[in-house]
């Protein structure tokens, strides 16, 4: 039999190629299975979902047009949960009156963002968002303000919503 295999080099090459291809297929299958069942991939997806929701919610809460005030405030409420949501609902009428009198338009643009903490099991996350808010008052020029916001997110019914929001502390930038 050995002599027959040596006499047929094409058959030997085909068998060797078949073994190499089978080994490659088995290794690829194992790698795919491990990647598909890797918790770190699911964690990364949840982190990205929290960041995206945090950026959008912070942008929503810093954008408001006196011409479409109801829609803007409804968006604020739909972006929040918990104590923050309760505060917005409770102060809505007074805030609405102030914005109507001031006739301002504010728009926010997210410059960058990061998830600083994520507890996927508890459904809690913290984000740091840098944004530029442009405020236009009637008859005046627009003014831009860059700020950094710290937000806390809570996952409710599969969606991330802001449950707290505040200014991030800024370090001392003066030169001595």
C-alpha atoms as a PDB file:
ATOM      1  CA  UNK A   1       0.000   0.000   0.000  1.00  0.00           C
ATOM      2  CA  UNK A   2       2.859   2.334   0.822  1.00  0.00           C
ATOM      3  CA  UNK A   3       4.307   1.829  -2.589  1.00  0.00           C
ATOM      4  CA  UNK A   4       0.921   2.599  -4.139  1.00  0.00           C
ATOM      5  CA  UNK A   5       0.727   5.946  -2.280  1.00  0.00           C
ATOM      6  CA  UNK A   6       4.218   6.931  -3.288  1.00  0.00           C
ATOM      7  CA  UNK A   7       3.335   6.125  -6.863  1.00  0.00           C
ATOM      8  CA  UNK A   8       0.382   8.476  -6.728  1.00  0.00           C
ATOM      9  CA  UNK A   9       1.696  11.859  -5.545  1.00  0.00           C
ATOM     10  CA  UNK A  10      -1.552  13.630  -6.452  1.00  0.00           C
ATOM     11  CA  UNK A  11      -3.521  11.405  -4.078  1.00  0.00           C
ATOM     12  CA  UNK A  12      -1.049  12.076  -1.260  1.00  0.00           C
ATOM     13  CA  UNK A  13      -1.222  15.831  -1.846  1.00  0.00           C
ATOM     14  CA  UNK A  14      -5.034  15.737  -1.904  1.00  0.00           C
ATOM     15  CA  UNK A  15      -5.176  13.806   1.387  1.00  0.00           C
ATOM     16  CA  UNK A  16      -2.722  16.228   3.028  1.00  0.00           C
ATOM     17  CA  UNK A  17      -4.742  19.199   1.800  1.00  0.00           C
ATOM     18  CA  UNK A  18      -7.945  17.591   3.095  1.00  0.00           C
ATOM     19  CA  UNK A  19      -6.408  17.117   6.551  1.00  0.00           C
ATOM     20  CA  UNK A  20      -5.169  20.726   6.672  1.00  0.00           C
ATOM     21  CA  UNK A  21      -8.565  22.074   5.553  1.00  0.00           C
ATOM     22  CA  UNK A  22     -10.364  19.902   8.124  1.00  0.00           C
ATOM     23  CA  UNK A  23      -8.073  21.158  10.888  1.00  0.00           C
ATOM     24  CA  UNK A  24      -8.616  24.777   9.803  1.00  0.00           C
ATOM     25  CA  UNK A  25     -12.396  24.299   9.737  1.00  0.00           C
ATOM     26  CA  UNK A  26     -12.381  22.756  13.214  1.00  0.00           C
ATOM     27  CA  UNK A  27     -10.252  25.569  14.639  1.00  0.00           C
ATOM     28  CA  UNK A  28     -12.442  28.230  12.999  1.00  0.00           C
ATOM     29  CA  UNK A  29     -15.557  26.588  14.407  1.00  0.00           C
ATOM     30  CA  UNK A  30     -14.140  26.558  17.926  1.00  0.00           C
ATOM     31  CA  UNK A  31     -13.063  30.223  17.621  1.00  0.00           C
ATOM     32  CA  UNK A  32     -16.505  31.238  16.358  1.00  0.00           C
ATOM     33  CA  UNK A  33     -18.232  29.390  19.200  1.00  0.00           C
ATOM     34  CA  UNK A  34     -16.014  31.049  21.822  1.00  0.00           C
ATOM     35  CA  UNK A  35     -16.592  34.512  20.349  1.00  0.00           C
ATOM     36  CA  UNK A  36     -20.356  33.976  20.126  1.00  0.00           C
ATOM     37  CA  UNK A  37     -20.529  32.959  23.793  1.00  0.00           C
ATOM     38  CA  UNK A  38     -18.041  35.492  25.160  1.00  0.00           C
ATOM     39  CA  UNK A  39     -19.487  37.722  27.890  1.00  0.00           C
ATOM     40  CA  UNK A  40     -17.067  40.538  27.079  1.00  0.00           C
ATOM     41  CA  UNK A  41     -18.663  40.991  23.642  1.00  0.00           C
ATOM     42  CA  UNK A  42     -22.118  41.366  25.205  1.00  0.00           C
ATOM     43  CA  UNK A  43     -20.671  43.752  27.791  1.00  0.00           C
ATOM     44  CA  UNK A  44     -19.134  45.893  25.031  1.00  0.00           C
ATOM     45  CA  UNK A  45     -22.484  46.071  23.221  1.00  0.00           C
ATOM     46  CA  UNK A  46     -24.244  47.147  26.431  1.00  0.00           C
ATOM     47  CA  UNK A  47     -21.535  49.751  27.087  1.00  0.00           C
ATOM     48  CA  UNK A  48     -22.032  51.163  23.590  1.00  0.00           C
ATOM     49  CA  UNK A  49     -25.817  51.216  24.090  1.00  0.00           C
ATOM     50  CA  UNK A  50     -25.437  53.089  27.385  1.00  0.00           C
ATOM     51  CA  UNK A  51     -23.042  55.609  25.839  1.00  0.00           C
ATOM     52  CA  UNK A  52     -25.306  56.249  22.869  1.00  0.00           C
ATOM     53  CA  UNK A  53     -28.365  56.712  25.093  1.00  0.00           C
ATOM     54  CA  UNK A  54     -26.407  58.925  27.499  1.00  0.00           C
ATOM     55  CA  UNK A  55     -25.129  61.187  24.733  1.00  0.00           C
ATOM     56  CA  UNK A  56     -28.583  61.512  23.187  1.00  0.00           C
ATOM     57  CA  UNK A  57     -30.291  62.168  26.521  1.00  0.00           C
ATOM     58  CA  UNK A  58     -27.780  64.833  27.579  1.00  0.00           C
ATOM     59  CA  UNK A  59     -28.171  66.474  24.179  1.00  0.00           C
ATOM     60  CA  UNK A  60     -31.971  66.339  24.556  1.00  0.00           C
ATOM     61  CA  UNK A  61     -31.852  68.000  27.976  1.00  0.00           C
ATOM     62  CA  UNK A  62     -29.697  70.837  26.654  1.00  0.00           C
ATOM     63  CA  UNK A  63     -31.787  71.555  23.555  1.00  0.00           C
ATOM     64  CA  UNK A  64     -34.994  73.569  23.752  1.00  0.00           C
ATOM     65  CA  UNK A  65     -36.818  75.907  21.381  1.00  0.00           C
ATOM     66  CA  UNK A  66     -39.484  78.253  22.752  1.00  0.00           C
ATOM     67  CA  UNK A  67     -41.390  77.779  19.454  1.00  0.00           C
ATOM     68  CA  UNK A  68     -41.839  74.039  20.048  1.00  0.00           C
ATOM     69  CA  UNK A  69     -41.706  73.992  23.811  1.00  0.00           C
ATOM     70  CA  UNK A  70     -44.229  71.197  24.415  1.00  0.00           C
ATOM     71  CA  UNK A  71     -42.368  68.811  22.133  1.00  0.00           C
ATOM     72  CA  UNK A  72     -39.020  69.703  23.698  1.00  0.00           C
ATOM     73  CA  UNK A  73     -40.222  69.213  27.260  1.00  0.00           C
ATOM     74  CA  UNK A  74     -41.933  65.949  26.310  1.00  0.00           C
ATOM     75  CA  UNK A  75     -38.579  64.800  24.923  1.00  0.00           C
ATOM     76  CA  UNK A  76     -36.917  65.768  28.203  1.00  0.00           C
ATOM     77  CA  UNK A  77     -39.397  63.662  30.121  1.00  0.00           C
ATOM     78  CA  UNK A  78     -39.076  60.669  27.804  1.00  0.00           C
ATOM     79  CA  UNK A  79     -35.272  60.798  28.175  1.00  0.00           C
ATOM     80  CA  UNK A  80     -35.333  60.574  31.978  1.00  0.00           C
ATOM     81  CA  UNK A  81     -36.387  58.330  34.822  1.00  0.00           C
ATOM     82  CA  UNK A  82     -36.380  58.308  38.616  1.00  0.00           C
ATOM     83  CA  UNK A  83     -35.793  61.446  40.663  1.00  0.00           C
ATOM     84  CA  UNK A  84     -34.617  63.491  37.675  1.00  0.00           C
ATOM     85  CA  UNK A  85     -37.823  62.683  35.822  1.00  0.00           C
ATOM     86  CA  UNK A  86     -39.906  63.611  38.878  1.00  0.00           C
ATOM     87  CA  UNK A  87     -38.103  66.965  39.198  1.00  0.00           C
ATOM     88  CA  UNK A  88     -38.693  67.794  35.530  1.00  0.00           C
ATOM     89  CA  UNK A  89     -42.388  66.942  35.741  1.00  0.00           C
ATOM     90  CA  UNK A  90     -42.868  68.910  38.967  1.00  0.00           C
ATOM     91  CA  UNK A  91     -41.130  72.040  37.654  1.00  0.00           C
ATOM     92  CA  UNK A  92     -42.438  71.884  34.096  1.00  0.00           C
ATOM     93  CA  UNK A  93     -45.099  74.613  34.282  1.00  0.00           C
ATOM     94  CA  UNK A  94     -42.812  77.169  35.935  1.00  0.00           C
ATOM     95  CA  UNK A  95     -39.923  76.408  33.581  1.00  0.00           C
ATOM     96  CA  UNK A  96     -42.249  76.549  30.565  1.00  0.00           C
ATOM     97  CA  UNK A  97     -43.377  80.036  31.586  1.00  0.00           C
ATOM     98  CA  UNK A  98     -39.761  81.228  31.979  1.00  0.00           C
ATOM     99  CA  UNK A  99     -38.721  79.947  28.545  1.00  0.00           C
ATOM    100  CA  UNK A 100     -41.787  81.475  26.864  1.00  0.00           C
ATOM    101  CA  UNK A 101     -40.964  84.869  28.369  1.00  0.00           C
ATOM    102  CA  UNK A 102     -37.253  84.664  27.489  1.00  0.00           C
ATOM    103  CA  UNK A 103     -38.006  83.364  23.959  1.00  0.00           C
ATOM    104  CA  UNK A 104     -34.696  81.545  23.806  1.00  0.00           C
ATOM    105  CA  UNK A 105     -33.557  78.724  21.564  1.00  0.00           C
ATOM    106  CA  UNK A 106     -30.819  76.433  22.808  1.00  0.00           C
ATOM    107  CA  UNK A 107     -29.196  73.682  20.790  1.00  0.00           C
ATOM    108  CA  UNK A 108     -26.622  71.205  21.997  1.00  0.00           C
ATOM    109  CA  UNK A 109     -24.015  69.239  20.125  1.00  0.00           C
ATOM    110  CA  UNK A 110     -22.163  66.341  21.736  1.00  0.00           C
ATOM    111  CA  UNK A 111     -18.411  66.737  21.305  1.00  0.00           C
ATOM    112  CA  UNK A 112     -17.368  63.487  22.986  1.00  0.00           C
ATOM    113  CA  UNK A 113     -18.529  61.008  25.559  1.00  0.00           C
ATOM    114  CA  UNK A 114     -17.373  58.083  27.646  1.00  0.00           C
ATOM    115  CA  UNK A 115     -18.846  55.494  29.943  1.00  0.00           C
ATOM    116  CA  UNK A 116     -17.036  55.854  33.256  1.00  0.00           C
ATOM    117  CA  UNK A 117     -18.857  53.046  35.045  1.00  0.00           C
ATOM    118  CA  UNK A 118     -21.158  50.218  33.981  1.00  0.00           C
ATOM    119  CA  UNK A 119     -22.947  47.661  36.116  1.00  0.00           C
ATOM    120  CA  UNK A 120     -24.768  45.681  33.477  1.00  0.00           C
ATOM    121  CA  UNK A 121     -26.409  43.313  35.962  1.00  0.00           C
ATOM    122  CA  UNK A 122     -27.834  46.134  38.101  1.00  0.00           C
ATOM    123  CA  UNK A 123     -28.757  48.237  35.046  1.00  0.00           C
ATOM    124  CA  UNK A 124     -26.756  51.293  36.117  1.00  0.00           C
ATOM    125  CA  UNK A 125     -24.168  53.331  34.245  1.00  0.00           C
ATOM    126  CA  UNK A 126     -22.338  56.637  34.516  1.00  0.00           C
ATOM    127  CA  UNK A 127     -21.260  58.760  31.588  1.00  0.00           C
ATOM    128  CA  UNK A 128     -19.127  61.833  31.041  1.00  0.00           C
ATOM    129  CA  UNK A 129     -20.310  63.941  28.103  1.00  0.00           C
ATOM    130  CA  UNK A 130     -18.609  66.998  26.627  1.00  0.00           C
ATOM    131  CA  UNK A 131     -20.954  69.241  24.696  1.00  0.00           C
ATOM    132  CA  UNK A 132     -21.329  72.666  23.154  1.00  0.00           C
ATOM    133  CA  UNK A 133     -24.572  74.501  23.892  1.00  0.00           C
ATOM    134  CA  UNK A 134     -25.563  77.415  21.670  1.00  0.00           C
ATOM    135  CA  UNK A 135     -28.151  79.830  23.091  1.00  0.00           C
ATOM    136  CA  UNK A 136     -29.952  82.365  20.939  1.00  0.00           C
ATOM    137  CA  UNK A 137     -31.987  85.117  22.541  1.00  0.00           C
ATOM    138  CA  UNK A 138     -34.344  87.292  20.497  1.00  0.00           C
ATOM    139  CA  UNK A 139     -32.480  90.213  18.953  1.00  0.00           C
ATOM    140  CA  UNK A 140     -29.138  89.008  20.251  1.00  0.00           C
ATOM    141  CA  UNK A 141     -26.230  87.062  18.912  1.00  0.00           C
ATOM    142  CA  UNK A 142     -25.827  83.382  19.623  1.00  0.00           C
ATOM    143  CA  UNK A 143     -23.474  82.464  22.423  1.00  0.00           C
ATOM    144  CA  UNK A 144     -21.662  79.146  22.733  1.00  0.00           C
ATOM    145  CA  UNK A 145     -20.711  77.459  25.954  1.00  0.00           C
ATOM    146  CA  UNK A 146     -18.704  74.262  26.231  1.00  0.00           C
ATOM    147  CA  UNK A 147     -19.375  72.119  29.262  1.00  0.00           C
ATOM    148  CA  UNK A 148     -18.839  68.667  30.652  1.00  0.00           C
ATOM    149  CA  UNK A 149     -21.760  66.818  32.149  1.00  0.00           C
ATOM    150  CA  UNK A 150     -21.839  63.786  34.428  1.00  0.00           C
ATOM    151  CA  UNK A 151     -24.877  61.627  33.950  1.00  0.00           C
ATOM    152  CA  UNK A 152     -26.222  58.563  35.678  1.00  0.00           C
ATOM    153  CA  UNK A 153     -28.255  56.139  33.623  1.00  0.00           C
ATOM    154  CA  UNK A 154     -30.743  53.501  34.669  1.00  0.00           C
ATOM    155  CA  UNK A 155     -31.944  50.733  32.381  1.00  0.00           C
ATOM    156  CA  UNK A 156     -35.739  50.672  32.332  1.00  0.00           C
ATOM    157  CA  UNK A 157     -37.678  48.230  30.171  1.00  0.00           C
ATOM    158  CA  UNK A 158     -34.541  47.496  28.151  1.00  0.00           C
ATOM    159  CA  UNK A 159     -33.727  51.169  27.475  1.00  0.00           C
ATOM    160  CA  UNK A 160     -31.157  53.412  29.145  1.00  0.00           C
ATOM    161  CA  UNK A 161     -32.516  56.687  30.555  1.00  0.00           C
ATOM    162  CA  UNK A 162     -30.922  59.516  32.543  1.00  0.00           C
ATOM    163  CA  UNK A 163     -31.655  59.307  36.250  1.00  0.00           C
ATOM    164  CA  UNK A 164     -29.271  62.109  37.331  1.00  0.00           C
ATOM    165  CA  UNK A 165     -27.395  64.891  35.559  1.00  0.00           C
ATOM    166  CA  UNK A 166     -24.948  67.528  36.730  1.00  0.00           C
ATOM    167  CA  UNK A 167     -21.915  69.588  35.769  1.00  0.00           C
ATOM    168  CA  UNK A 168     -18.594  67.773  35.895  1.00  0.00           C
ATOM    169  CA  UNK A 169     -16.017  69.498  38.045  1.00  0.00           C
ATOM    170  CA  UNK A 170     -13.327  71.263  36.048  1.00  0.00           C
ATOM    171  CA  UNK A 171      -9.772  71.219  37.362  1.00  0.00           C
ATOM    172  CA  UNK A 172      -7.684  74.328  37.943  1.00  0.00           C
ATOM    173  CA  UNK A 173      -6.370  75.431  34.555  1.00  0.00           C
ATOM    174  CA  UNK A 174      -4.584  78.602  35.674  1.00  0.00           C
ATOM    175  CA  UNK A 175      -0.818  78.782  35.365  1.00  0.00           C
ATOM    176  CA  UNK A 176       1.132  79.875  38.416  1.00  0.00           C
END
